[in-house]
Amino acid sequence: MTDEQDMTKIAALALSCLDLTNLRDDCDEAAIHDLCERAQTRFGPVAAVCVWPRFVALSHSLLSKTSIKVATVVNFPSGQDNIGKVRETTAQAVTDGANEIDMVIPWAEVLQGRSEVVAPTIRSVRSAAETVTLKAILETGMLEQPDLIKEAAEQSLAGGVEFLKTSTGKVPFNATPMAARIMLKAIKASGLDVGLKPSGGVKTTEEAAEYIALSREIMGDDWVRPERFRIGGSRILDDLLTRLGDTTERPAAPRGY
């Protein structure tokens, strides 16, 4: 098999694991219609769309006849919202049809040596999220240090999440292979059935391939699938489609996360 054939296979896998995202400040209903249409590609659907809470009901309606899940964000992007507000937003999102909740952990507390607050905060949101998938966003670019990323990952796992996610995409430094490696090793050591979501700054098939290879190295060849691996982003979709052979001229994807 040629390198090009390998990358085509990687592109198809990455597409099936993509959380196609619009968390831009200027997002509106027209942008959500476009996002949900883009999510249904000629090569198959993405795994999910990720939108602001106010657009969950619309996204759920637009995608009701597809397999595409609707994800939304809470405690986003600062990780410092009032826990009552976070729980209320989470519960409303579930009512509106969210299948997945991406929650920013209180990472600033981790920086200040109070990582023990992470697990109970997650448990509180977990109860509001009911049975939907819960992802913990660690904001690894702000934690920076390997020991802090490891501590945040371990505390998030103790809180009871289905995924560890690197970043919000709203800070200067987002997903990195270094952070992903630490998070994967924490998942492996825990023995829990928890997935990984690199997000923020993953824009090309080659970058996706690096995270897929890393996940396979640590977790095994069969581990990378939508149930346990996601990539968060928007601009990467066009690159994946081009790699798969779609030569259609498309307007540039919105910049930003």
C-alpha atoms as a PDB file:
ATOM      1  CA  MET A   1       0.000   0.000   0.000  1.00  0.00           C
ATOM      2  CA  THR A   2       1.369   3.415  -0.966  1.00  0.00           C
ATOM      3  CA  ASP A   3       1.752   6.314   1.423  1.00  0.00           C
ATOM      4  CA  GLU A   4      -1.072   8.082  -0.429  1.00  0.00           C
ATOM      5  CA  GLN A   5      -3.361   5.095   0.075  1.00  0.00           C
ATOM      6  CA  ASP A   6      -2.429   5.076   3.761  1.00  0.00           C
ATOM      7  CA  MET A   7      -3.319   8.761   4.084  1.00  0.00           C
ATOM      8  CA  THR A   8      -6.603   8.226   2.285  1.00  0.00           C
ATOM      9  CA  LYS A   9      -7.493   5.550   4.845  1.00  0.00           C
ATOM     10  CA  ILE A  10      -6.445   7.895   7.640  1.00  0.00           C
ATOM     11  CA  ALA A  11      -8.591  10.681   6.179  1.00  0.00           C
ATOM     12  CA  ALA A  12     -11.628   8.404   6.054  1.00  0.00           C
ATOM     13  CA  LEU A  13     -11.082   7.349   9.655  1.00  0.00           C
ATOM     14  CA  ALA A  14     -10.527  10.917  10.834  1.00  0.00           C
ATOM     15  CA  LEU A  15     -13.703  12.038   9.054  1.00  0.00           C
ATOM     16  CA  SER A  16     -15.740   9.400  10.889  1.00  0.00           C
ATOM     17  CA  CYS A  17     -14.220  10.596  14.194  1.00  0.00           C
ATOM     18  CA  LEU A  18     -14.650  14.334  13.595  1.00  0.00           C
ATOM     19  CA  ASP A  19     -16.585  16.631  15.914  1.00  0.00           C
ATOM     20  CA  LEU A  20     -17.299  19.353  13.346  1.00  0.00           C
ATOM     21  CA  THR A  21     -17.290  22.536  15.364  1.00  0.00           C
ATOM     22  CA  ASN A  22     -18.595  26.083  15.257  1.00  0.00           C
ATOM     23  CA  LEU A  23     -17.957  27.899  18.524  1.00  0.00           C
ATOM     24  CA  ARG A  24     -17.288  31.251  16.920  1.00  0.00           C
ATOM     25  CA  ASP A  25     -18.620  34.303  18.724  1.00  0.00           C
ATOM     26  CA  ASP A  26     -20.496  35.365  15.578  1.00  0.00           C
ATOM     27  CA  CYS A  27     -22.208  32.001  15.015  1.00  0.00           C
ATOM     28  CA  ASP A  28     -25.853  32.314  14.014  1.00  0.00           C
ATOM     29  CA  GLU A  29     -28.663  30.066  12.780  1.00  0.00           C
ATOM     30  CA  ALA A  30     -27.488  30.309   9.168  1.00  0.00           C
ATOM     31  CA  ALA A  31     -24.055  29.102  10.222  1.00  0.00           C
ATOM     32  CA  ILE A  32     -25.642  26.154  12.054  1.00  0.00           C
ATOM     33  CA  HIS A  33     -27.603  25.174   8.941  1.00  0.00           C
ATOM     34  CA  ASP A  34     -24.327  25.269   6.998  1.00  0.00           C
ATOM     35  CA  LEU A  35     -22.488  23.282   9.682  1.00  0.00           C
ATOM     36  CA  CYS A  36     -25.103  20.536   9.765  1.00  0.00           C
ATOM     37  CA  GLU A  37     -25.131  20.333   5.984  1.00  0.00           C
ATOM     38  CA  ARG A  38     -21.321  20.112   5.835  1.00  0.00           C
ATOM     39  CA  ALA A  39     -21.418  17.337   8.444  1.00  0.00           C
ATOM     40  CA  GLN A  40     -23.202  15.035   5.969  1.00  0.00           C
ATOM     41  CA  THR A  41     -20.477  14.423   3.398  1.00  0.00           C
ATOM     42  CA  ARG A  42     -20.491  12.223   0.303  1.00  0.00           C
ATOM     43  CA  PHE A  43     -17.903  10.060   2.091  1.00  0.00           C
ATOM     44  CA  GLY A  44     -20.104   9.552   5.122  1.00  0.00           C
ATOM     45  CA  PRO A  45     -21.127  11.547   8.179  1.00  0.00           C
ATOM     46  CA  VAL A  46     -18.905  13.054  10.808  1.00  0.00           C
ATOM     47  CA  ALA A  47     -19.284  11.754  14.360  1.00  0.00           C
ATOM     48  CA  ALA A  48     -20.853  14.908  15.816  1.00  0.00           C
ATOM     49  CA  VAL A  49     -21.333  18.621  15.503  1.00  0.00           C
ATOM     50  CA  CYS A  50     -20.230  20.768  18.434  1.00  0.00           C
ATOM     51  CA  VAL A  51     -22.182  24.001  18.948  1.00  0.00           C
ATOM     52  CA  TRP A  52     -23.054  26.624  21.523  1.00  0.00           C
ATOM     53  CA  PRO A  53     -25.856  25.569  23.919  1.00  0.00           C
ATOM     54  CA  ARG A  54     -28.307  27.995  22.335  1.00  0.00           C
ATOM     55  CA  PHE A  55     -28.065  26.071  19.043  1.00  0.00           C
ATOM     56  CA  VAL A  56     -28.542  22.547  20.407  1.00  0.00           C
ATOM     57  CA  ALA A  57     -32.276  22.342  19.657  1.00  0.00           C
ATOM     58  CA  LEU A  58     -31.819  23.583  16.086  1.00  0.00           C
ATOM     59  CA  SER A  59     -28.918  21.201  15.453  1.00  0.00           C
ATOM     60  CA  HIS A  60     -30.884  18.302  16.912  1.00  0.00           C
ATOM     61  CA  SER A  61     -33.789  19.091  14.589  1.00  0.00           C
ATOM     62  CA  LEU A  62     -31.583  19.402  11.498  1.00  0.00           C
ATOM     63  CA  LEU A  63     -29.767  16.131  12.211  1.00  0.00           C
ATOM     64  CA  SER A  64     -32.672  14.094  13.589  1.00  0.00           C
ATOM     65  CA  LYS A  65     -32.684  11.718  10.615  1.00  0.00           C
ATOM     66  CA  THR A  66     -28.929  11.103  10.688  1.00  0.00           C
ATOM     67  CA  SER A  67     -26.495   9.265  12.946  1.00  0.00           C
ATOM     68  CA  ILE A  68     -24.645  12.502  13.735  1.00  0.00           C
ATOM     69  CA  LYS A  69     -24.589  13.406  17.416  1.00  0.00           C
ATOM     70  CA  VAL A  70     -25.035  16.889  18.844  1.00  0.00           C
ATOM     71  CA  ALA A  71     -22.400  18.058  21.307  1.00  0.00           C
ATOM     72  CA  THR A  72     -22.326  21.312  23.216  1.00  0.00           C
ATOM     73  CA  VAL A  73     -20.039  23.105  25.663  1.00  0.00           C
ATOM     74  CA  VAL A  74     -20.488  24.161  29.282  1.00  0.00           C
ATOM     75  CA  ASN A  75     -18.294  26.097  31.714  1.00  0.00           C
ATOM     76  CA  PHE A  76     -16.833  27.355  28.458  1.00  0.00           C
ATOM     77  CA  PRO A  77     -14.326  28.725  27.754  1.00  0.00           C
ATOM     78  CA  SER A  78     -12.995  29.977  31.091  1.00  0.00           C
ATOM     79  CA  GLY A  79     -13.755  26.990  33.298  1.00  0.00           C
ATOM     80  CA  GLN A  80     -14.794  29.444  36.024  1.00  0.00           C
ATOM     81  CA  ASP A  81     -18.586  29.696  35.719  1.00  0.00           C
ATOM     82  CA  ASN A  82     -20.817  29.283  38.742  1.00  0.00           C
ATOM     83  CA  ILE A  83     -21.485  25.564  39.201  1.00  0.00           C
ATOM     84  CA  GLY A  84     -25.216  26.175  39.511  1.00  0.00           C
ATOM     85  CA  LYS A  85     -25.214  27.902  36.123  1.00  0.00           C
ATOM     86  CA  VAL A  86     -23.164  25.086  34.620  1.00  0.00           C
ATOM     87  CA  ARG A  87     -25.594  22.470  35.893  1.00  0.00           C
ATOM     88  CA  GLU A  88     -28.575  24.478  34.630  1.00  0.00           C
ATOM     89  CA  THR A  89     -27.027  24.898  31.169  1.00  0.00           C
ATOM     90  CA  THR A  90     -26.174  21.206  31.064  1.00  0.00           C
ATOM     91  CA  ALA A  91     -29.675  20.093  32.027  1.00  0.00           C
ATOM     92  CA  GLN A  92     -31.254  22.416  29.442  1.00  0.00           C
ATOM     93  CA  ALA A  93     -28.901  21.133  26.731  1.00  0.00           C
ATOM     94  CA  VAL A  94     -29.933  17.561  27.488  1.00  0.00           C
ATOM     95  CA  THR A  95     -33.592  18.601  27.290  1.00  0.00           C
ATOM     96  CA  ASP A  96     -32.898  20.287  23.934  1.00  0.00           C
ATOM     97  CA  GLY A  97     -31.414  17.098  22.513  1.00  0.00           C
ATOM     98  CA  ALA A  98     -27.684  17.166  23.250  1.00  0.00           C
ATOM     99  CA  ASN A  99     -26.043  13.756  23.063  1.00  0.00           C
ATOM    100  CA  GLU A 100     -22.694  14.943  24.413  1.00  0.00           C
ATOM    101  CA  ILE A 101     -21.512  17.599  26.862  1.00  0.00           C
ATOM    102  CA  ASP A 102     -17.986  19.033  26.560  1.00  0.00           C
ATOM    103  CA  MET A 103     -17.186  20.566  29.946  1.00  0.00           C
ATOM    104  CA  VAL A 104     -14.196  22.775  30.751  1.00  0.00           C
ATOM    105  CA  ILE A 105     -12.714  21.690  34.072  1.00  0.00           C
ATOM    106  CA  PRO A 106     -11.666  24.374  36.607  1.00  0.00           C
ATOM    107  CA  TRP A 107      -8.115  24.287  35.274  1.00  0.00           C
ATOM    108  CA  ALA A 108      -7.132  27.516  37.030  1.00  0.00           C
ATOM    109  CA  GLU A 109      -7.588  25.661  40.321  1.00  0.00           C
ATOM    110  CA  VAL A 110      -5.137  23.030  39.089  1.00  0.00           C
ATOM    111  CA  LEU A 111      -2.593  25.768  38.377  1.00  0.00           C
ATOM    112  CA  GLN A 112      -3.055  27.018  41.943  1.00  0.00           C
ATOM    113  CA  GLY A 113      -2.466  23.595  43.497  1.00  0.00           C
ATOM    114  CA  ARG A 114      -6.113  22.800  44.167  1.00  0.00           C
ATOM    115  CA  SER A 115      -6.678  19.990  41.694  1.00  0.00           C
ATOM    116  CA  GLU A 116      -8.847  18.141  44.225  1.00  0.00           C
ATOM    117  CA  VAL A 117     -11.805  20.350  43.219  1.00  0.00           C
ATOM    118  CA  VAL A 118     -11.856  18.910  39.687  1.00  0.00           C
ATOM    119  CA  ALA A 119     -13.395  15.507  40.400  1.00  0.00           C
ATOM    120  CA  PRO A 120     -16.324  16.748  42.533  1.00  0.00           C
ATOM    121  CA  THR A 121     -17.048  19.519  40.013  1.00  0.00           C
ATOM    122  CA  ILE A 122     -17.266  16.919  37.266  1.00  0.00           C
ATOM    123  CA  ARG A 123     -19.484  14.693  39.401  1.00  0.00           C
ATOM    124  CA  SER A 124     -21.880  17.597  39.933  1.00  0.00           C
ATOM    125  CA  VAL A 125     -22.139  18.214  36.191  1.00  0.00           C
ATOM    126  CA  ARG A 126     -22.321  14.472  35.558  1.00  0.00           C
ATOM    127  CA  SER A 127     -25.532  14.286  37.608  1.00  0.00           C
ATOM    128  CA  ALA A 128     -27.068  17.095  35.531  1.00  0.00           C
ATOM    129  CA  ALA A 129     -25.921  15.481  32.283  1.00  0.00           C
ATOM    130  CA  GLU A 130     -27.785  12.286  33.168  1.00  0.00           C
ATOM    131  CA  THR A 131     -26.683   9.496  30.822  1.00  0.00           C
ATOM    132  CA  VAL A 132     -25.275  11.555  27.934  1.00  0.00           C
ATOM    133  CA  THR A 133     -21.580  11.420  27.082  1.00  0.00           C
ATOM    134  CA  LEU A 134     -19.467  13.784  29.178  1.00  0.00           C
ATOM    135  CA  LYS A 135     -16.090  15.074  27.966  1.00  0.00           C
ATOM    136  CA  ALA A 136     -13.647  16.898  30.243  1.00  0.00           C
ATOM    137  CA  ILE A 137     -11.730  19.748  28.564  1.00  0.00           C
ATOM    138  CA  LEU A 138      -8.410  20.099  30.410  1.00  0.00           C
ATOM    139  CA  GLU A 139      -7.137  23.232  28.620  1.00  0.00           C
ATOM    140  CA  THR A 140      -3.700  21.661  28.406  1.00  0.00           C
ATOM    141  CA  GLY A 141      -2.097  24.681  26.735  1.00  0.00           C
ATOM    142  CA  MET A 142      -2.684  26.687  29.901  1.00  0.00           C
ATOM    143  CA  LEU A 143      -1.573  23.917  32.243  1.00  0.00           C
ATOM    144  CA  GLU A 144       1.605  23.508  30.147  1.00  0.00           C
ATOM    145  CA  GLN A 145       3.590  21.380  32.602  1.00  0.00           C
ATOM    146  CA  PRO A 146       3.422  17.594  32.129  1.00  0.00           C
ATOM    147  CA  ASP A 147       2.798  16.954  35.825  1.00  0.00           C
ATOM    148  CA  LEU A 148      -0.155  19.368  35.858  1.00  0.00           C
ATOM    149  CA  ILE A 149      -1.663  17.811  32.717  1.00  0.00           C
ATOM    150  CA  LYS A 150      -1.287  14.372  34.289  1.00  0.00           C
ATOM    151  CA  GLU A 151      -2.923  15.547  37.525  1.00  0.00           C
ATOM    152  CA  ALA A 152      -5.816  17.166  35.660  1.00  0.00           C
ATOM    153  CA  ALA A 153      -6.302  14.007  33.610  1.00  0.00           C
ATOM    154  CA  GLU A 154      -6.308  11.752  36.672  1.00  0.00           C
ATOM    155  CA  GLN A 155      -8.740  13.990  38.551  1.00  0.00           C
ATOM    156  CA  SER A 156     -11.046  14.132  35.521  1.00  0.00           C
ATOM    157  CA  LEU A 157     -10.996  10.351  35.221  1.00  0.00           C
ATOM    158  CA  ALA A 158     -11.861  10.087  38.919  1.00  0.00           C
ATOM    159  CA  GLY A 159     -14.819  12.406  38.310  1.00  0.00           C
ATOM    160  CA  GLY A 160     -16.388   9.982  35.846  1.00  0.00           C
ATOM    161  CA  VAL A 161     -16.112  11.147  32.232  1.00  0.00           C
ATOM    162  CA  GLU A 162     -16.264   9.291  28.926  1.00  0.00           C
ATOM    163  CA  PHE A 163     -13.606  11.407  27.175  1.00  0.00           C
ATOM    164  CA  LEU A 164     -10.599  13.562  27.983  1.00  0.00           C
ATOM    165  CA  LYS A 165     -10.336  16.545  25.635  1.00  0.00           C
ATOM    166  CA  THR A 166      -7.263  18.714  25.268  1.00  0.00           C
ATOM    167  CA  SER A 167      -8.465  22.242  24.652  1.00  0.00           C
ATOM    168  CA  THR A 168     -11.167  24.825  24.076  1.00  0.00           C
ATOM    169  CA  GLY A 169      -9.516  26.298  20.983  1.00  0.00           C
ATOM    170  CA  LYS A 170      -9.888  29.686  22.659  1.00  0.00           C
ATOM    171  CA  VAL A 171      -6.369  30.081  24.084  1.00  0.00           C
ATOM    172  CA  PRO A 172      -3.004  30.689  22.362  1.00  0.00           C
ATOM    173  CA  PHE A 173      -1.826  27.070  22.746  1.00  0.00           C
ATOM    174  CA  ASN A 174      -4.191  24.149  22.217  1.00  0.00           C
ATOM    175  CA  ALA A 175      -3.797  20.473  21.263  1.00  0.00           C
ATOM    176  CA  THR A 176      -0.259  19.062  21.228  1.00  0.00           C
ATOM    177  CA  PRO A 177       1.003  15.491  20.838  1.00  0.00           C
ATOM    178  CA  MET A 178       2.833  15.871  24.150  1.00  0.00           C
ATOM    179  CA  ALA A 179      -0.397  16.579  26.025  1.00  0.00           C
ATOM    180  CA  ALA A 180      -2.235  13.829  24.167  1.00  0.00           C
ATOM    181  CA  ARG A 181       0.453  11.309  25.117  1.00  0.00           C
ATOM    182  CA  ILE A 182       0.147  12.193  28.804  1.00  0.00           C
ATOM    183  CA  MET A 183      -3.645  11.930  28.664  1.00  0.00           C
ATOM    184  CA  LEU A 184      -3.549   8.589  26.844  1.00  0.00           C
ATOM    185  CA  LYS A 185      -1.114   7.186  29.384  1.00  0.00           C
ATOM    186  CA  ALA A 186      -3.418   8.320  32.205  1.00  0.00           C
ATOM    187  CA  ILE A 187      -6.364   6.597  30.503  1.00  0.00           C
ATOM    188  CA  LYS A 188      -4.298   3.437  30.000  1.00  0.00           C
ATOM    189  CA  ALA A 189      -3.146   3.390  33.629  1.00  0.00           C
ATOM    190  CA  SER A 190      -6.690   3.907  34.912  1.00  0.00           C
ATOM    191  CA  GLY A 191      -8.058   0.837  33.164  1.00  0.00           C
ATOM    192  CA  LEU A 192     -11.203   2.825  32.382  1.00  0.00           C
ATOM    193  CA  ASP A 193     -13.051   2.777  29.072  1.00  0.00           C
ATOM    194  CA  VAL A 194     -12.427   6.463  28.344  1.00  0.00           C
ATOM    195  CA  GLY A 195     -11.671   8.169  25.035  1.00  0.00           C
ATOM    196  CA  LEU A 196      -9.493  11.036  23.810  1.00  0.00           C
ATOM    197  CA  LYS A 197     -10.408  14.177  21.890  1.00  0.00           C
ATOM    198  CA  PRO A 198      -7.575  16.353  20.553  1.00  0.00           C
ATOM    199  CA  SER A 199      -9.093  19.732  19.732  1.00  0.00           C
ATOM    200  CA  GLY A 200      -7.964  23.188  18.806  1.00  0.00           C
ATOM    201  CA  GLY A 201      -5.431  23.671  16.027  1.00  0.00           C
ATOM    202  CA  VAL A 202      -5.819  20.271  14.329  1.00  0.00           C
ATOM    203  CA  LYS A 203      -6.237  21.438  10.736  1.00  0.00           C
ATOM    204  CA  THR A 204      -4.697  18.848   8.389  1.00  0.00           C
ATOM    205  CA  THR A 205      -4.878  15.140   7.625  1.00  0.00           C
ATOM    206  CA  GLU A 206      -1.209  14.845   8.576  1.00  0.00           C
ATOM    207  CA  GLU A 207      -1.892  16.322  12.002  1.00  0.00           C
ATOM    208  CA  ALA A 208      -4.834  13.962  12.484  1.00  0.00           C
ATOM    209  CA  ALA A 209      -2.582  11.063  11.453  1.00  0.00           C
ATOM    210  CA  GLU A 210      -0.128  11.956  14.219  1.00  0.00           C
ATOM    211  CA  TYR A 211      -2.821  11.723  16.907  1.00  0.00           C
ATOM    212  CA  ILE A 212      -4.224   8.521  15.432  1.00  0.00           C
ATOM    213  CA  ALA A 213      -0.755   6.920  15.386  1.00  0.00           C
ATOM    214  CA  LEU A 214      -0.100   8.035  18.950  1.00  0.00           C
ATOM    215  CA  SER A 215      -3.409   6.601  20.142  1.00  0.00           C
ATOM    216  CA  ARG A 216      -2.743   3.297  18.423  1.00  0.00           C
ATOM    217  CA  GLU A 217       0.755   3.137  19.893  1.00  0.00           C
ATOM    218  CA  ILE A 218      -0.510   3.477  23.465  1.00  0.00           C
ATOM    219  CA  MET A 219      -4.020   1.993  23.321  1.00  0.00           C
ATOM    220  CA  GLY A 220      -3.816  -0.543  20.501  1.00  0.00           C
ATOM    221  CA  ASP A 221      -4.594  -0.688  16.782  1.00  0.00           C
ATOM    222  CA  ASP A 222      -8.339  -1.229  17.168  1.00  0.00           C
ATOM    223  CA  TRP A 223      -8.901   1.495  19.762  1.00  0.00           C
ATOM    224  CA  VAL A 224      -9.299   4.413  17.350  1.00  0.00           C
ATOM    225  CA  ARG A 225     -12.989   4.588  16.481  1.00  0.00           C
ATOM    226  CA  PRO A 226     -15.687   7.237  17.013  1.00  0.00           C
ATOM    227  CA  GLU A 227     -16.791   5.683  20.304  1.00  0.00           C
ATOM    228  CA  ARG A 228     -13.361   6.362  21.826  1.00  0.00           C
ATOM    229  CA  PHE A 229     -11.535   8.852  19.611  1.00  0.00           C
ATOM    230  CA  ARG A 230     -12.618  12.242  18.313  1.00  0.00           C
ATOM    231  CA  ILE A 231     -10.953  15.208  16.662  1.00  0.00           C
ATOM    232  CA  GLY A 232     -12.432  18.618  17.334  1.00  0.00           C
ATOM    233  CA  GLY A 233     -12.246  21.212  14.591  1.00  0.00           C
ATOM    234  CA  SER A 234     -13.743  22.908  11.554  1.00  0.00           C
ATOM    235  CA  ARG A 235     -11.091  23.735   8.980  1.00  0.00           C
ATOM    236  CA  ILE A 236      -9.773  20.158   8.913  1.00  0.00           C
ATOM    237  CA  LEU A 237     -12.918  18.928   7.136  1.00  0.00           C
ATOM    238  CA  ASP A 238     -11.973  20.488   3.794  1.00  0.00           C
ATOM    239  CA  ASP A 239      -8.506  18.940   3.946  1.00  0.00           C
ATOM    240  CA  LEU A 240      -9.967  15.517   4.711  1.00  0.00           C
ATOM    241  CA  LEU A 241     -12.425  15.781   1.824  1.00  0.00           C
ATOM    242  CA  THR A 242      -9.678  16.810  -0.578  1.00  0.00           C
ATOM    243  CA  ARG A 243      -7.547  13.871   0.557  1.00  0.00           C
ATOM    244  CA  LEU A 244     -10.511  11.581  -0.096  1.00  0.00           C
ATOM    245  CA  GLY A 245     -10.777  12.832  -3.669  1.00  0.00           C
ATOM    246  CA  ASP A 246     -13.419  15.553  -3.499  1.00  0.00           C
ATOM    247  CA  THR A 247     -12.312  18.197  -5.983  1.00  0.00           C
ATOM    248  CA  THR A 248     -15.378  20.400  -5.521  1.00  0.00           C
ATOM    249  CA  GLU A 249     -14.524  24.052  -5.052  1.00  0.00           C
ATOM    250  CA  ARG A 250     -15.803  25.064  -1.646  1.00  0.00           C
ATOM    251  CA  PRO A 251     -15.875  28.401   0.149  1.00  0.00           C
ATOM    252  CA  ALA A 252     -13.217  28.615   2.800  1.00  0.00           C
ATOM    253  CA  ALA A 253     -14.315  27.218   6.140  1.00  0.00           C
ATOM    254  CA  PRO A 254     -14.800  29.841   8.846  1.00  0.00           C
ATOM    255  CA  ARG A 255     -11.558  30.678  10.630  1.00  0.00           C
ATOM    256  CA  GLY A 256     -11.466  30.163  14.343  1.00  0.00           C
ATOM    257  CA  TYR A 257     -12.951  27.423  16.436  1.00  0.00           C
END
